[in-house]
Amino acid sequence: MNVKKIKEMSLSVLLLLSMAVIVSAQDKPASVAKPEPQSKPQQLSNAKEYLGPTADSIRPYRASGRDPFKKTVKPKTPRGKQAQVRMLGFPTLDARRAEFRQKAEKARALDGAEPDPVSQYLVSELEITGVFRDDRGYGAFVRAQPTGTMFFVRNGARCFNGEVVRIGGDASDPGSAKVVFREVSYQELNGKQSPQERLVTKLPGEKK
């Protein structure tokens, strides 16, 4: 082999190597640009970190003295005004005697029966002095304590605030004599008058 052919082969190899380097350079992918890191927002220098409530704002627990699970029931109050009860008294004895005299005069003018004198007095003013029995049944002697006047009464006799409902006793037992009165009193409830009745038993010699 001569020198000329060796040079030609060397040039051919160099040419091939150069072309291979160029092709490899073209096929190599371009480098991917890395994204620039985003800048973090600057924190405000004057912002304070919340660390919870302060000691001054915390109040100690105090028991209220009642069960929180117990339902409180309010007492029911009557509607409207509360009931107001007031006991009513009776006229004085002088006023009752004046009224009795007017009734007696009116009865005489009309030629009628005069009212019973015991009707001037209250049940509490009559004292039983004795009980008797005759053909008409039982009767009782009473004395009006304010005036000392004596009367005798039978069942049904009316006084100013009541009447005699029963007179009884045993002739062999003087201690069994008694007189039962029906006594009426009046009370005022919210401006309205209402009568109240009770039975009062009186014994001879008993002052009540």
N, C-alpha and C. Protein backbone atom coordinates (compact mmCIF):
# COMPACT_ATOMS: atom_id res chain seq x y z
N MET A 1 0.89 -1.18 0.00
CA MET A 1 0.00 0.00 0.00
C MET A 1 0.91 1.20 0.00
N ASN A 2 0.50 2.17 -0.76
CA ASN A 2 1.36 3.35 -0.87
C ASN A 2 0.92 4.40 0.08
N VAL A 3 1.67 5.40 0.17
CA VAL A 3 1.41 6.49 1.12
C VAL A 3 0.19 7.27 0.74
N LYS A 4 -0.03 7.39 -0.53
CA LYS A 4 -1.17 8.18 -1.01
C LYS A 4 -2.47 7.57 -0.57
N LYS A 5 -2.61 6.28 -0.65
CA LYS A 5 -3.84 5.61 -0.26
C LYS A 5 -4.04 5.71 1.25
N ILE A 6 -2.95 5.68 2.03
CA ILE A 6 -3.09 5.78 3.49
C ILE A 6 -3.63 7.14 3.88
N LYS A 7 -3.20 8.19 3.26
CA LYS A 7 -3.68 9.54 3.54
C LYS A 7 -5.14 9.67 3.19
N GLU A 8 -5.52 9.07 2.06
CA GLU A 8 -6.93 9.17 1.67
C GLU A 8 -7.81 8.45 2.68
N MET A 9 -7.39 7.31 3.20
CA MET A 9 -8.18 6.57 4.17
C MET A 9 -8.26 7.34 5.50
N SER A 10 -7.17 8.01 5.87
CA SER A 10 -7.18 8.79 7.11
C SER A 10 -8.14 9.96 7.02
N LEU A 11 -8.17 10.62 5.88
CA LEU A 11 -9.10 11.75 5.68
C LEU A 11 -10.54 11.26 5.74
N SER A 12 -10.74 10.07 5.14
CA SER A 12 -12.11 9.54 5.15
C SER A 12 -12.58 9.25 6.57
N VAL A 13 -11.68 8.69 7.39
CA VAL A 13 -12.06 8.38 8.79
C VAL A 13 -12.33 9.65 9.58
N LEU A 14 -11.51 10.66 9.38
CA LEU A 14 -11.69 11.94 10.08
C LEU A 14 -13.01 12.58 9.68
N LEU A 15 -13.32 12.47 8.41
CA LEU A 15 -14.58 13.07 7.94
C LEU A 15 -15.78 12.38 8.58
N LEU A 16 -15.69 11.04 8.66
CA LEU A 16 -16.80 10.30 9.26
C LEU A 16 -16.96 10.64 10.75
N LEU A 17 -15.80 10.76 11.42
CA LEU A 17 -15.89 11.10 12.84
C LEU A 17 -16.50 12.49 13.06
N SER A 18 -16.14 13.43 12.22
CA SER A 18 -16.67 14.79 12.35
C SER A 18 -18.17 14.81 12.14
N MET A 19 -18.63 14.06 11.12
CA MET A 19 -20.07 14.02 10.85
C MET A 19 -20.83 13.37 12.03
N ALA A 20 -20.22 12.32 12.60
CA ALA A 20 -20.89 11.67 13.75
C ALA A 20 -21.01 12.61 14.94
N VAL A 21 -19.97 13.42 15.17
CA VAL A 21 -20.03 14.38 16.29
C VAL A 21 -21.10 15.42 16.07
N ILE A 22 -21.25 15.88 14.80
CA ILE A 22 -22.27 16.89 14.50
C ILE A 22 -23.66 16.34 14.69
N VAL A 23 -23.88 15.09 14.20
CA VAL A 23 -25.22 14.48 14.32
C VAL A 23 -25.58 14.27 15.79
N SER A 24 -24.63 13.81 16.58
CA SER A 24 -24.93 13.59 18.01
C SER A 24 -25.24 14.89 18.74
N ALA A 25 -24.58 15.94 18.29
CA ALA A 25 -24.85 17.25 18.91
C ALA A 25 -26.24 17.76 18.58
N GLN A 26 -26.71 17.48 17.33
CA GLN A 26 -28.06 17.92 16.94
C GLN A 26 -29.14 17.10 17.62
N ASP A 27 -28.91 15.80 17.84
CA ASP A 27 -29.93 14.94 18.47
C ASP A 27 -30.05 15.14 19.97
N LYS A 28 -29.06 15.73 20.62
CA LYS A 28 -29.11 15.92 22.08
C LYS A 28 -30.17 16.94 22.46
N PRO A 29 -31.17 16.60 23.37
CA PRO A 29 -32.24 17.56 23.73
C PRO A 29 -31.71 18.75 24.47
N ALA A 30 -32.39 19.84 24.19
CA ALA A 30 -31.97 21.07 24.87
C ALA A 30 -32.26 20.97 26.35
N SER A 31 -31.42 21.55 27.13
CA SER A 31 -31.59 21.51 28.59
C SER A 31 -32.80 22.30 29.02
N VAL A 32 -33.61 21.68 29.91
CA VAL A 32 -34.85 22.33 30.41
C VAL A 32 -34.48 23.37 31.44
N ALA A 33 -35.03 24.55 31.18
CA ALA A 33 -34.72 25.63 32.12
C ALA A 33 -35.49 25.43 33.40
N LYS A 34 -34.78 25.51 34.44
CA LYS A 34 -35.39 25.35 35.76
C LYS A 34 -36.20 26.59 36.10
N PRO A 35 -37.45 26.38 36.61
CA PRO A 35 -38.25 27.56 36.97
C PRO A 35 -37.63 28.28 38.13
N GLU A 36 -37.73 29.55 38.04
CA GLU A 36 -37.19 30.36 39.11
C GLU A 36 -38.05 30.23 40.35
N PRO A 37 -37.44 30.05 41.45
CA PRO A 37 -38.25 29.91 42.70
C PRO A 37 -39.02 31.19 43.00
N GLN A 38 -40.35 30.95 43.37
CA GLN A 38 -41.18 32.09 43.69
C GLN A 38 -40.75 32.69 45.02
N SER A 39 -40.79 33.95 45.00
CA SER A 39 -40.39 34.64 46.23
C SER A 39 -41.48 34.53 47.28
N LYS A 40 -41.15 34.14 48.47
CA LYS A 40 -42.10 34.02 49.56
C LYS A 40 -42.55 35.39 50.01
N PRO A 41 -43.87 35.51 50.30
CA PRO A 41 -44.35 36.82 50.77
C PRO A 41 -43.69 37.18 52.08
N GLN A 42 -43.33 38.37 52.14
CA GLN A 42 -42.70 38.85 53.36
C GLN A 42 -43.71 38.95 54.48
N GLN A 43 -43.40 38.40 55.62
CA GLN A 43 -44.28 38.49 56.78
C GLN A 43 -44.18 39.89 57.38
N LEU A 44 -45.36 40.36 57.83
CA LEU A 44 -45.38 41.67 58.44
C LEU A 44 -44.64 41.61 59.76
N SER A 45 -43.84 42.53 59.90
CA SER A 45 -43.02 42.55 61.11
C SER A 45 -43.82 42.91 62.35
N ASN A 46 -44.99 43.62 62.12
CA ASN A 46 -45.76 44.06 63.28
C ASN A 46 -46.85 43.09 63.69
N ALA A 47 -47.04 41.92 62.97
CA ALA A 47 -48.07 40.94 63.32
C ALA A 47 -47.65 40.18 64.56
N LYS A 48 -48.65 39.98 65.53
CA LYS A 48 -48.36 39.28 66.78
C LYS A 48 -48.99 37.90 66.75
N GLU A 49 -48.30 36.95 67.25
CA GLU A 49 -48.80 35.58 67.29
C GLU A 49 -49.79 35.42 68.45
N TYR A 50 -51.04 34.81 68.20
CA TYR A 50 -52.07 34.62 69.23
C TYR A 50 -51.67 33.46 70.13
N LEU A 51 -51.52 33.73 71.37
CA LEU A 51 -51.08 32.73 72.33
C LEU A 51 -52.17 32.32 73.31
N GLY A 52 -53.48 32.70 73.04
CA GLY A 52 -54.57 32.32 73.93
C GLY A 52 -54.96 33.46 74.85
N PRO A 53 -56.03 33.26 75.70
CA PRO A 53 -56.49 34.32 76.60
C PRO A 53 -55.46 34.65 77.67
N THR A 54 -55.53 35.89 78.07
CA THR A 54 -54.61 36.33 79.12
C THR A 54 -55.14 35.92 80.49
N ALA A 55 -54.29 35.94 81.47
CA ALA A 55 -54.69 35.54 82.83
C ALA A 55 -55.73 36.47 83.41
N ASP A 56 -55.72 37.76 83.04
CA ASP A 56 -56.69 38.71 83.59
C ASP A 56 -58.10 38.46 83.09
N SER A 57 -58.22 37.86 81.88
CA SER A 57 -59.55 37.65 81.30
C SER A 57 -60.20 36.35 81.78
N ILE A 58 -59.48 35.50 82.51
CA ILE A 58 -60.03 34.23 82.98
C ILE A 58 -60.61 34.43 84.37
N ARG A 59 -61.94 34.12 84.51
CA ARG A 59 -62.62 34.26 85.80
C ARG A 59 -62.81 32.89 86.44
N PRO A 60 -62.62 32.78 87.74
CA PRO A 60 -62.81 31.47 88.40
C PRO A 60 -64.27 31.06 88.39
N TYR A 61 -64.56 29.75 88.37
CA TYR A 61 -65.93 29.22 88.37
C TYR A 61 -66.56 29.40 89.74
N ARG A 62 -67.79 29.85 89.73
CA ARG A 62 -68.55 30.02 90.97
C ARG A 62 -69.87 29.29 90.83
N ALA A 63 -70.14 28.42 91.78
CA ALA A 63 -71.39 27.64 91.73
C ALA A 63 -72.58 28.55 91.93
N SER A 64 -73.65 28.34 91.14
CA SER A 64 -74.85 29.18 91.22
C SER A 64 -75.82 28.72 92.29
N GLY A 65 -75.59 27.51 92.87
CA GLY A 65 -76.48 27.04 93.93
C GLY A 65 -77.73 26.35 93.43
N ARG A 66 -77.87 26.11 92.13
CA ARG A 66 -79.04 25.44 91.58
C ARG A 66 -78.60 24.40 90.57
N ASP A 67 -79.41 23.38 90.42
CA ASP A 67 -79.13 22.32 89.47
C ASP A 67 -79.45 22.81 88.06
N PRO A 68 -78.46 22.83 87.14
CA PRO A 68 -78.76 23.34 85.79
C PRO A 68 -79.71 22.46 85.01
N PHE A 69 -79.87 21.19 85.46
CA PHE A 69 -80.75 20.28 84.74
C PHE A 69 -82.15 20.22 85.36
N LYS A 70 -82.37 20.92 86.47
CA LYS A 70 -83.66 20.93 87.14
C LYS A 70 -84.51 22.07 86.60
N LYS A 71 -85.70 21.72 86.14
CA LYS A 71 -86.61 22.72 85.57
C LYS A 71 -87.30 23.48 86.69
N THR A 72 -87.22 24.78 86.62
CA THR A 72 -87.85 25.63 87.64
C THR A 72 -89.31 25.85 87.28
N VAL A 73 -90.18 25.49 88.21
CA VAL A 73 -91.62 25.66 87.99
C VAL A 73 -92.09 26.87 88.78
N LYS A 74 -92.61 27.85 88.07
CA LYS A 74 -93.09 29.06 88.72
C LYS A 74 -94.46 28.81 89.33
N PRO A 75 -94.68 29.27 90.57
CA PRO A 75 -96.01 29.07 91.17
C PRO A 75 -97.08 29.83 90.41
N LYS A 76 -98.19 29.17 90.27
CA LYS A 76 -99.30 29.80 89.55
C LYS A 76 -99.96 30.85 90.44
N THR A 77 -100.21 31.98 89.86
CA THR A 77 -100.88 33.07 90.58
C THR A 77 -102.26 33.27 89.99
N PRO A 78 -103.24 33.54 90.82
CA PRO A 78 -104.58 33.75 90.29
C PRO A 78 -104.63 34.97 89.38
N ARG A 79 -105.40 34.83 88.33
CA ARG A 79 -105.52 35.95 87.41
C ARG A 79 -106.28 37.10 88.05
N GLY A 80 -105.93 38.27 87.64
CA GLY A 80 -106.59 39.45 88.17
C GLY A 80 -106.11 39.77 89.57
N LYS A 81 -106.93 40.41 90.33
CA LYS A 81 -106.57 40.81 91.68
C LYS A 81 -106.62 39.62 92.62
N GLN A 82 -105.75 39.64 93.61
CA GLN A 82 -105.74 38.58 94.59
C GLN A 82 -106.98 38.70 95.49
N ALA A 83 -107.44 37.51 95.94
CA ALA A 83 -108.64 37.49 96.76
C ALA A 83 -108.39 38.20 98.09
N GLN A 84 -109.26 39.11 98.43
CA GLN A 84 -109.16 39.85 99.68
C GLN A 84 -110.45 39.63 100.47
N VAL A 85 -110.32 38.94 101.61
CA VAL A 85 -111.46 38.61 102.44
C VAL A 85 -111.49 39.53 103.65
N ARG A 86 -112.66 40.08 103.92
CA ARG A 86 -112.81 40.99 105.07
C ARG A 86 -114.12 40.65 105.76
N MET A 87 -114.02 40.38 107.06
CA MET A 87 -115.21 40.08 107.84
C MET A 87 -115.98 41.37 108.12
N LEU A 88 -117.27 41.29 107.94
CA LEU A 88 -118.14 42.45 108.16
C LEU A 88 -118.76 42.38 109.55
N GLY A 89 -118.84 43.50 110.20
CA GLY A 89 -119.44 43.55 111.52
C GLY A 89 -120.94 43.81 111.44
N PHE A 90 -121.55 44.01 112.61
CA PHE A 90 -122.99 44.26 112.71
C PHE A 90 -123.22 45.65 113.31
N PRO A 91 -124.38 46.18 113.08
CA PRO A 91 -124.69 47.49 113.68
C PRO A 91 -124.61 47.45 115.20
N THR A 92 -124.42 48.59 115.79
CA THR A 92 -124.37 48.67 117.25
C THR A 92 -125.73 48.34 117.84
N LEU A 93 -125.75 48.08 119.16
CA LEU A 93 -127.01 47.76 119.82
C LEU A 93 -128.00 48.91 119.71
N ASP A 94 -127.55 50.14 119.86
CA ASP A 94 -128.46 51.29 119.76
C ASP A 94 -129.09 51.35 118.37
N ALA A 95 -128.31 51.08 117.32
CA ALA A 95 -128.85 51.10 115.97
C ALA A 95 -129.85 49.97 115.78
N ARG A 96 -129.59 48.81 116.34
CA ARG A 96 -130.51 47.67 116.21
C ARG A 96 -131.81 47.93 116.99
N ARG A 97 -131.71 48.54 118.16
CA ARG A 97 -132.92 48.82 118.94
C ARG A 97 -133.76 49.90 118.27
N ALA A 98 -133.10 50.88 117.65
CA ALA A 98 -133.84 51.92 116.91
C ALA A 98 -134.57 51.28 115.73
N GLU A 99 -133.93 50.35 115.02
CA GLU A 99 -134.58 49.66 113.90
C GLU A 99 -135.76 48.82 114.39
N PHE A 100 -135.60 48.17 115.58
CA PHE A 100 -136.69 47.36 116.13
C PHE A 100 -137.90 48.24 116.46
N ARG A 101 -137.64 49.40 117.05
CA ARG A 101 -138.75 50.29 117.40
C ARG A 101 -139.52 50.74 116.15
N GLN A 102 -138.79 51.03 115.06
CA GLN A 102 -139.46 51.43 113.83
C GLN A 102 -140.34 50.31 113.29
N LYS A 103 -139.86 49.07 113.35
CA LYS A 103 -140.67 47.94 112.88
C LYS A 103 -141.90 47.74 113.77
N ALA A 104 -141.72 47.91 115.10
CA ALA A 104 -142.85 47.73 116.01
C ALA A 104 -143.92 48.80 115.78
N GLU A 105 -143.50 50.06 115.58
CA GLU A 105 -144.46 51.14 115.32
C GLU A 105 -145.18 50.91 114.00
N LYS A 106 -144.47 50.45 112.99
CA LYS A 106 -145.11 50.19 111.70
C LYS A 106 -146.12 49.05 111.81
N ALA A 107 -145.79 48.03 112.61
CA ALA A 107 -146.71 46.90 112.79
C ALA A 107 -147.98 47.34 113.53
N ARG A 108 -147.81 48.17 114.54
CA ARG A 108 -148.98 48.66 115.28
C ARG A 108 -149.85 49.53 114.38
N ALA A 109 -149.22 50.35 113.54
CA ALA A 109 -150.00 51.21 112.65
C ALA A 109 -150.80 50.39 111.66
N LEU A 110 -150.29 49.26 111.27
CA LEU A 110 -151.00 48.39 110.32
C LEU A 110 -151.83 47.34 111.03
N ASP A 111 -151.87 47.43 112.38
CA ASP A 111 -152.61 46.47 113.18
C ASP A 111 -152.10 45.05 112.94
N GLY A 112 -150.76 44.92 112.85
CA GLY A 112 -150.16 43.60 112.63
C GLY A 112 -149.41 43.15 113.87
N ALA A 113 -148.82 41.97 113.74
CA ALA A 113 -148.08 41.40 114.87
C ALA A 113 -146.73 42.10 115.01
N GLU A 114 -146.39 42.46 116.22
CA GLU A 114 -145.11 43.14 116.46
C GLU A 114 -143.97 42.12 116.40
N PRO A 115 -142.78 42.56 116.02
CA PRO A 115 -141.63 41.64 115.94
C PRO A 115 -141.24 41.14 117.32
N ASP A 116 -140.56 40.00 117.35
CA ASP A 116 -140.10 39.40 118.60
C ASP A 116 -138.99 40.27 119.18
N PRO A 117 -139.07 40.66 120.45
CA PRO A 117 -138.03 41.52 121.05
C PRO A 117 -136.63 40.92 121.01
N VAL A 118 -136.54 39.55 121.00
CA VAL A 118 -135.22 38.93 120.98
C VAL A 118 -134.49 39.18 119.65
N SER A 119 -135.25 39.64 118.64
CA SER A 119 -134.64 39.89 117.32
C SER A 119 -133.71 41.10 117.34
N GLN A 120 -133.65 41.82 118.43
CA GLN A 120 -132.74 42.97 118.52
C GLN A 120 -131.30 42.53 118.82
N TYR A 121 -131.12 41.30 119.27
CA TYR A 121 -129.84 40.89 119.82
C TYR A 121 -129.13 39.86 118.94
N LEU A 122 -127.82 39.84 119.07
CA LEU A 122 -126.98 38.86 118.37
C LEU A 122 -126.96 37.55 119.13
N VAL A 123 -126.62 36.47 118.46
CA VAL A 123 -126.53 35.16 119.11
C VAL A 123 -125.52 35.22 120.25
N SER A 124 -124.41 35.91 120.03
CA SER A 124 -123.37 35.98 121.05
C SER A 124 -123.80 36.78 122.27
N GLU A 125 -124.90 37.55 122.18
CA GLU A 125 -125.36 38.37 123.31
C GLU A 125 -126.42 37.66 124.15
N LEU A 126 -126.83 36.45 123.77
CA LEU A 126 -127.90 35.73 124.47
C LEU A 126 -127.31 34.66 125.37
N GLU A 127 -127.76 34.66 126.61
CA GLU A 127 -127.32 33.69 127.61
C GLU A 127 -128.48 32.80 128.00
N ILE A 128 -128.28 31.49 128.01
CA ILE A 128 -129.34 30.54 128.37
C ILE A 128 -129.36 30.39 129.90
N THR A 129 -130.52 30.64 130.47
CA THR A 129 -130.64 30.51 131.93
C THR A 129 -131.38 29.24 132.33
N GLY A 130 -132.11 28.62 131.41
CA GLY A 130 -132.83 27.39 131.74
C GLY A 130 -133.61 26.87 130.54
N VAL A 131 -133.97 25.57 130.63
CA VAL A 131 -134.75 24.91 129.57
C VAL A 131 -135.98 24.29 130.24
N PHE A 132 -137.14 24.40 129.61
CA PHE A 132 -138.37 23.84 130.15
C PHE A 132 -139.11 23.08 129.06
N ARG A 133 -140.10 22.33 129.49
CA ARG A 133 -140.93 21.58 128.55
C ARG A 133 -142.37 21.66 128.99
N ASP A 134 -143.27 21.93 128.03
CA ASP A 134 -144.70 21.98 128.32
C ASP A 134 -145.45 21.26 127.21
N ASP A 135 -146.74 21.51 127.13
CA ASP A 135 -147.56 20.82 126.12
C ASP A 135 -147.13 21.16 124.70
N ARG A 136 -146.50 22.29 124.49
CA ARG A 136 -146.08 22.71 123.15
C ARG A 136 -144.67 22.25 122.83
N GLY A 137 -144.04 21.61 123.79
CA GLY A 137 -142.69 21.12 123.55
C GLY A 137 -141.68 21.87 124.39
N TYR A 138 -140.45 21.86 123.93
CA TYR A 138 -139.37 22.48 124.67
C TYR A 138 -139.34 23.99 124.44
N GLY A 139 -138.88 24.67 125.49
CA GLY A 139 -138.65 26.11 125.42
C GLY A 139 -137.43 26.44 126.27
N ALA A 140 -136.94 27.67 126.14
CA ALA A 140 -135.75 28.07 126.89
C ALA A 140 -135.92 29.49 127.37
N PHE A 141 -135.33 29.77 128.53
CA PHE A 141 -135.26 31.13 129.05
C PHE A 141 -133.89 31.71 128.67
N VAL A 142 -133.92 32.89 128.12
CA VAL A 142 -132.66 33.54 127.72
C VAL A 142 -132.62 34.94 128.31
N ARG A 143 -131.40 35.42 128.51
CA ARG A 143 -131.21 36.76 129.02
C ARG A 143 -130.30 37.52 128.07
N ALA A 144 -130.73 38.70 127.67
CA ALA A 144 -129.90 39.54 126.81
C ALA A 144 -128.84 40.20 127.68
N GLN A 145 -127.58 39.86 127.46
CA GLN A 145 -126.51 40.35 128.31
C GLN A 145 -126.35 41.88 128.28
N PRO A 146 -126.54 42.54 127.13
CA PRO A 146 -126.32 44.00 127.16
C PRO A 146 -127.30 44.75 128.06
N THR A 147 -128.56 44.27 128.12
CA THR A 147 -129.58 45.01 128.86
C THR A 147 -130.09 44.27 130.09
N GLY A 148 -129.81 42.95 130.17
CA GLY A 148 -130.32 42.16 131.29
C GLY A 148 -131.78 41.78 131.13
N THR A 149 -132.40 42.02 129.98
CA THR A 149 -133.81 41.70 129.75
C THR A 149 -133.96 40.18 129.59
N MET A 150 -135.04 39.61 130.18
CA MET A 150 -135.31 38.19 130.10
C MET A 150 -136.36 37.91 129.03
N PHE A 151 -136.16 36.81 128.29
CA PHE A 151 -137.11 36.36 127.27
C PHE A 151 -137.23 34.84 127.37
N PHE A 152 -138.31 34.29 126.81
CA PHE A 152 -138.35 32.85 126.62
C PHE A 152 -138.57 32.60 125.13
N VAL A 153 -137.91 31.57 124.63
CA VAL A 153 -137.92 31.30 123.19
C VAL A 153 -138.26 29.84 122.95
N ARG A 154 -138.68 29.56 121.73
CA ARG A 154 -138.92 28.19 121.28
C ARG A 154 -138.19 27.97 119.94
N ASN A 155 -138.32 26.75 119.44
CA ASN A 155 -137.69 26.47 118.16
C ASN A 155 -138.22 27.42 117.08
N GLY A 156 -137.29 27.97 116.30
CA GLY A 156 -137.68 28.89 115.23
C GLY A 156 -137.61 30.34 115.62
N ALA A 157 -137.39 30.66 116.91
CA ALA A 157 -137.28 32.06 117.32
C ALA A 157 -136.07 32.70 116.63
N ARG A 158 -136.29 33.90 116.10
CA ARG A 158 -135.24 34.56 115.33
C ARG A 158 -134.61 35.69 116.15
N CYS A 159 -133.28 35.76 116.09
CA CYS A 159 -132.55 36.89 116.64
C CYS A 159 -131.94 37.67 115.48
N PHE A 160 -131.08 38.66 115.77
CA PHE A 160 -130.64 39.57 114.71
C PHE A 160 -129.79 38.84 113.66
N ASN A 161 -128.96 37.91 114.07
CA ASN A 161 -128.08 37.23 113.11
C ASN A 161 -128.21 35.71 113.18
N GLY A 162 -129.43 35.22 113.45
CA GLY A 162 -129.62 33.78 113.47
C GLY A 162 -130.98 33.41 114.00
N GLU A 163 -131.09 32.12 114.38
CA GLU A 163 -132.36 31.61 114.91
C GLU A 163 -132.10 30.37 115.75
N VAL A 164 -133.10 30.03 116.57
CA VAL A 164 -133.04 28.82 117.38
C VAL A 164 -133.48 27.64 116.52
N VAL A 165 -132.63 26.64 116.40
CA VAL A 165 -132.97 25.48 115.56
C VAL A 165 -133.33 24.25 116.39
N ARG A 166 -132.87 24.19 117.64
CA ARG A 166 -133.22 23.02 118.45
C ARG A 166 -133.04 23.33 119.93
N ILE A 167 -134.04 22.92 120.71
CA ILE A 167 -133.98 23.00 122.17
C ILE A 167 -134.23 21.60 122.70
N GLY A 168 -133.37 21.11 123.54
CA GLY A 168 -133.55 19.74 124.02
C GLY A 168 -133.01 19.56 125.42
N GLY A 169 -133.30 18.38 125.98
CA GLY A 169 -132.83 18.07 127.32
C GLY A 169 -133.60 16.90 127.89
N ASP A 170 -133.15 16.41 129.02
CA ASP A 170 -133.79 15.31 129.73
C ASP A 170 -134.20 15.84 131.09
N ALA A 171 -135.51 15.64 131.44
CA ALA A 171 -136.02 16.16 132.70
C ALA A 171 -135.29 15.56 133.90
N SER A 172 -134.85 14.32 133.75
CA SER A 172 -134.14 13.67 134.86
C SER A 172 -132.66 14.06 134.91
N ASP A 173 -132.20 14.72 133.90
CA ASP A 173 -130.79 15.12 133.85
C ASP A 173 -130.72 16.59 133.47
N PRO A 174 -130.69 17.49 134.45
CA PRO A 174 -130.66 18.92 134.15
C PRO A 174 -129.45 19.32 133.32
N GLY A 175 -128.36 18.58 133.43
CA GLY A 175 -127.17 18.94 132.68
C GLY A 175 -127.26 18.67 131.19
N SER A 176 -128.31 17.96 130.75
CA SER A 176 -128.45 17.64 129.33
C SER A 176 -129.16 18.74 128.54
N ALA A 177 -129.67 19.78 129.24
CA ALA A 177 -130.38 20.85 128.54
C ALA A 177 -129.41 21.64 127.68
N LYS A 178 -129.88 21.99 126.48
CA LYS A 178 -129.05 22.78 125.56
C LYS A 178 -129.94 23.46 124.53
N VAL A 179 -129.40 24.52 123.98
CA VAL A 179 -130.08 25.27 122.91
C VAL A 179 -129.08 25.43 121.77
N VAL A 180 -129.52 25.05 120.58
CA VAL A 180 -128.65 25.14 119.39
C VAL A 180 -129.15 26.29 118.52
N PHE A 181 -128.24 27.21 118.20
CA PHE A 181 -128.54 28.35 117.32
C PHE A 181 -127.85 28.15 115.96
N ARG A 182 -128.50 28.66 114.94
CA ARG A 182 -127.84 28.82 113.64
C ARG A 182 -127.40 30.27 113.55
N GLU A 183 -126.09 30.49 113.54
CA GLU A 183 -125.53 31.85 113.53
C GLU A 183 -125.02 32.19 112.13
N VAL A 184 -125.34 33.39 111.67
CA VAL A 184 -124.95 33.85 110.34
C VAL A 184 -124.00 35.03 110.48
N SER A 185 -122.89 34.96 109.79
CA SER A 185 -121.96 36.10 109.71
C SER A 185 -121.74 36.41 108.24
N TYR A 186 -121.18 37.58 107.98
CA TYR A 186 -121.01 38.02 106.60
C TYR A 186 -119.55 38.41 106.37
N GLN A 187 -119.06 38.06 105.19
CA GLN A 187 -117.72 38.46 104.79
C GLN A 187 -117.76 39.07 103.39
N GLU A 188 -116.81 39.93 103.14
CA GLU A 188 -116.73 40.60 101.84
C GLU A 188 -115.54 40.03 101.08
N LEU A 189 -115.79 39.52 99.88
CA LEU A 189 -114.76 38.94 99.04
C LEU A 189 -114.73 39.68 97.71
N ASN A 190 -113.66 40.48 97.52
CA ASN A 190 -113.51 41.27 96.29
C ASN A 190 -114.74 42.12 96.01
N GLY A 191 -115.24 42.77 97.06
CA GLY A 191 -116.35 43.69 96.90
C GLY A 191 -117.72 43.04 96.95
N LYS A 192 -117.80 41.71 97.09
CA LYS A 192 -119.09 41.02 97.14
C LYS A 192 -119.28 40.42 98.52
N GLN A 193 -120.50 40.58 99.07
CA GLN A 193 -120.82 40.04 100.38
C GLN A 193 -121.35 38.62 100.25
N SER A 194 -120.91 37.76 101.15
CA SER A 194 -121.38 36.37 101.15
C SER A 194 -121.61 35.94 102.59
N PRO A 195 -122.74 35.24 102.86
CA PRO A 195 -123.04 34.80 104.23
C PRO A 195 -122.29 33.53 104.58
N GLN A 196 -121.93 33.40 105.86
CA GLN A 196 -121.29 32.21 106.39
C GLN A 196 -122.11 31.73 107.59
N GLU A 197 -122.49 30.44 107.59
CA GLU A 197 -123.33 29.90 108.65
C GLU A 197 -122.56 28.89 109.49
N ARG A 198 -122.94 28.81 110.77
CA ARG A 198 -122.40 27.80 111.67
C ARG A 198 -123.40 27.55 112.78
N LEU A 199 -123.30 26.37 113.42
CA LEU A 199 -124.17 26.02 114.54
C LEU A 199 -123.45 26.32 115.85
N VAL A 200 -124.18 26.97 116.76
CA VAL A 200 -123.65 27.34 118.06
C VAL A 200 -124.50 26.69 119.14
N THR A 201 -123.89 25.90 120.00
CA THR A 201 -124.62 25.23 121.07
C THR A 201 -124.37 25.97 122.38
N LYS A 202 -125.46 26.32 123.07
CA LYS A 202 -125.35 27.02 124.35
C LYS A 202 -126.01 26.18 125.45
N LEU A 203 -125.34 26.13 126.59
CA LEU A 203 -125.84 25.40 127.75
C LEU A 203 -126.29 26.40 128.82
N PRO A 204 -127.22 26.00 129.67
CA PRO A 204 -127.67 26.90 130.75
C PRO A 204 -126.51 27.32 131.64
N GLY A 205 -126.45 28.62 131.92
CA GLY A 205 -125.40 29.17 132.76
C GLY A 205 -124.10 29.43 132.03
N GLU A 206 -124.02 29.04 130.78
CA GLU A 206 -122.78 29.23 130.02
C GLU A 206 -122.84 30.57 129.30
N LYS A 207 -121.83 31.39 129.48
CA LYS A 207 -121.82 32.72 128.88
C LYS A 207 -120.86 32.72 127.68
N LYS A 208 -121.44 32.67 126.50
CA LYS A 208 -120.66 32.77 125.26
C LYS A 208 -121.54 33.15 124.11
